[in-house]
Amino acid sequence: MGSFQEMFDKMVADHEARNPGQSEALPPAAPAPHFRELAPVDSGVASAHVQYAFNPYQGASSNGAYHLILDQPLHAARLHRNAGDALCKPRSKFWGLERGNDRQTATCSVCLERAARYSIAVRTPA
């Protein structure tokens, strides 16, 4: 079997052979979502950014929230988190996390309380 491009080209050629003279224009591509870059912080300063936690049964009564996700590992007292973990619990405990609206602020009370306690800078888009 050849590459994907070869397979795709063969499918297009077969379609054109079966349907001569029919031009099926492709719809215009949707613009890619534009995310602004997060403002850089000093590498010695613990920092986090906001992401939305969702669940597979998202609905009107969903308990999804905006969490603070660490940019660097954090080891403070008994709290140990890897980069990419939320302040409230490890990433593996979430069903899914996705980058939220650029202007969204964290809504998780545990994340907010720990960010204040451990002096974690929250990165926002530049």
Protein backbone atom coordinates (compact mmCIF):
# COMPACT_ATOMS: atom_id res chain seq x y z
CA MET A 1 0.00 0.00 0.00
CA GLY A 2 1.31 3.44 -0.89
CA SER A 3 1.27 6.68 1.00
CA PHE A 4 -1.89 8.47 2.02
CA GLN A 5 -1.34 11.06 -0.73
CA GLU A 6 -1.13 8.32 -3.38
CA MET A 7 -4.31 6.71 -2.05
CA PHE A 8 -6.10 10.08 -2.00
CA ASP A 9 -4.96 10.93 -5.55
CA LYS A 10 -6.26 7.54 -6.75
CA MET A 11 -9.65 8.15 -5.10
CA VAL A 12 -9.89 11.59 -6.75
CA ALA A 13 -8.96 10.13 -10.15
CA ASP A 14 -11.55 7.33 -9.76
CA HIS A 15 -14.23 9.88 -8.80
CA GLU A 16 -13.42 12.09 -11.79
CA ALA A 17 -13.49 9.06 -14.10
CA ARG A 18 -16.98 8.05 -12.84
CA ASN A 19 -18.31 11.63 -12.92
CA PRO A 20 -16.80 13.42 -15.94
CA GLY A 21 -17.43 17.15 -16.14
CA GLN A 22 -18.77 17.44 -12.62
CA SER A 23 -16.83 19.90 -10.61
CA GLU A 24 -17.27 19.61 -6.87
CA ALA A 25 -15.58 22.56 -5.33
CA LEU A 26 -14.41 22.04 -1.79
CA PRO A 27 -15.87 24.41 0.78
CA PRO A 28 -13.44 27.04 2.01
CA ALA A 29 -11.35 25.89 4.93
CA ALA A 30 -12.42 27.19 8.29
CA PRO A 31 -9.88 29.54 9.82
CA ALA A 32 -7.72 27.93 12.47
CA PRO A 33 -8.51 29.05 15.99
CA HIS A 34 -6.20 31.81 17.07
CA PHE A 35 -4.80 31.64 20.56
CA ARG A 36 -2.73 34.50 21.79
CA GLU A 37 0.61 33.59 23.29
CA LEU A 38 0.83 33.58 27.05
CA ALA A 39 3.05 36.21 28.60
CA PRO A 40 6.43 34.76 29.56
CA VAL A 41 7.48 34.69 33.18
CA ASP A 42 10.84 34.30 34.90
CA SER A 43 11.81 30.62 35.00
CA GLY A 44 12.49 30.92 38.74
CA VAL A 45 8.91 32.00 39.45
CA ALA A 46 6.22 29.34 39.76
CA SER A 47 3.52 30.07 37.18
CA ALA A 48 0.24 28.62 35.93
CA HIS A 49 -2.30 29.25 33.19
CA VAL A 50 -6.07 28.66 32.95
CA GLN A 51 -7.66 25.59 31.33
CA TYR A 52 -11.22 24.30 31.36
CA ALA A 53 -11.98 20.88 32.84
CA PHE A 54 -14.90 19.14 31.17
CA ASN A 55 -16.56 15.78 31.51
CA PRO A 56 -18.10 13.40 28.96
CA TYR A 57 -21.61 14.20 30.18
CA GLN A 58 -21.38 17.98 29.77
CA GLY A 59 -24.72 19.64 30.32
CA ALA A 60 -26.57 22.46 32.03
CA SER A 61 -25.76 21.10 35.48
CA SER A 62 -22.14 20.33 34.60
CA ASN A 63 -19.58 20.79 37.31
CA GLY A 64 -16.83 21.84 34.90
CA ALA A 65 -14.59 24.65 36.04
CA TYR A 66 -11.61 26.71 34.99
CA HIS A 67 -8.48 25.45 36.77
CA LEU A 68 -4.92 26.74 37.17
CA ILE A 69 -2.51 24.43 35.34
CA LEU A 70 1.14 24.55 36.43
CA ASP A 71 3.85 25.47 33.93
CA GLN A 72 6.63 24.02 36.11
CA PRO A 73 6.71 21.28 38.74
CA LEU A 74 5.75 22.39 42.24
CA HIS A 75 7.11 20.82 45.44
CA ALA A 76 5.95 22.74 48.50
CA ALA A 77 5.48 21.09 51.89
CA ARG A 78 3.24 18.04 51.26
CA LEU A 79 1.96 19.32 47.90
CA HIS A 80 3.73 17.79 44.89
CA ARG A 81 2.50 18.50 41.36
CA ASN A 82 4.11 17.98 37.95
CA ALA A 83 4.08 20.51 35.13
CA GLY A 84 0.67 20.21 33.44
CA ASP A 85 -1.16 19.30 36.65
CA ALA A 86 -3.85 21.51 38.14
CA LEU A 87 -3.18 22.94 41.57
CA CYS A 88 -6.21 21.14 43.00
CA LYS A 89 -5.43 17.64 41.67
CA PRO A 90 -3.19 15.82 39.16
CA ARG A 91 -4.01 15.93 35.45
CA SER A 92 -4.73 12.18 35.46
CA LYS A 93 -7.74 12.76 37.75
CA PHE A 94 -9.50 14.89 35.11
CA TRP A 95 -11.53 13.38 32.30
CA GLY A 96 -10.35 16.19 30.01
CA LEU A 97 -8.71 19.61 30.05
CA GLU A 98 -8.77 22.12 27.22
CA ARG A 99 -7.47 25.58 26.75
CA GLY A 100 -10.28 27.98 27.53
CA ASN A 101 -11.16 31.47 26.47
CA ASP A 102 -8.12 33.79 26.59
CA ARG A 103 -9.92 36.16 28.92
CA GLN A 104 -11.29 33.55 31.30
CA THR A 105 -10.21 33.56 34.95
CA ALA A 106 -9.90 30.51 37.17
CA THR A 107 -13.09 29.49 38.98
CA CYS A 108 -11.80 26.53 41.02
CA SER A 109 -11.66 27.72 44.64
CA VAL A 110 -8.97 25.17 45.58
CA CYS A 111 -6.71 26.28 42.70
CA LEU A 112 -7.19 29.94 43.62
CA GLU A 113 -6.49 29.34 47.32
CA ARG A 114 -3.30 27.36 46.59
CA ALA A 115 -2.08 29.90 44.04
CA ALA A 116 -2.34 32.59 46.71
CA ARG A 117 -0.73 30.40 49.39
CA TYR A 118 2.27 29.38 47.25
CA SER A 119 2.67 32.74 45.39
CA ILE A 120 2.06 31.31 41.94
CA ALA A 121 1.92 33.83 39.10
CA VAL A 122 -1.04 33.34 36.73
CA ARG A 123 -0.03 33.77 33.10
CA THR A 124 -2.45 35.62 30.86
CA PRO A 125 -2.22 36.35 27.11
CA ALA A 126 0.09 39.19 26.18
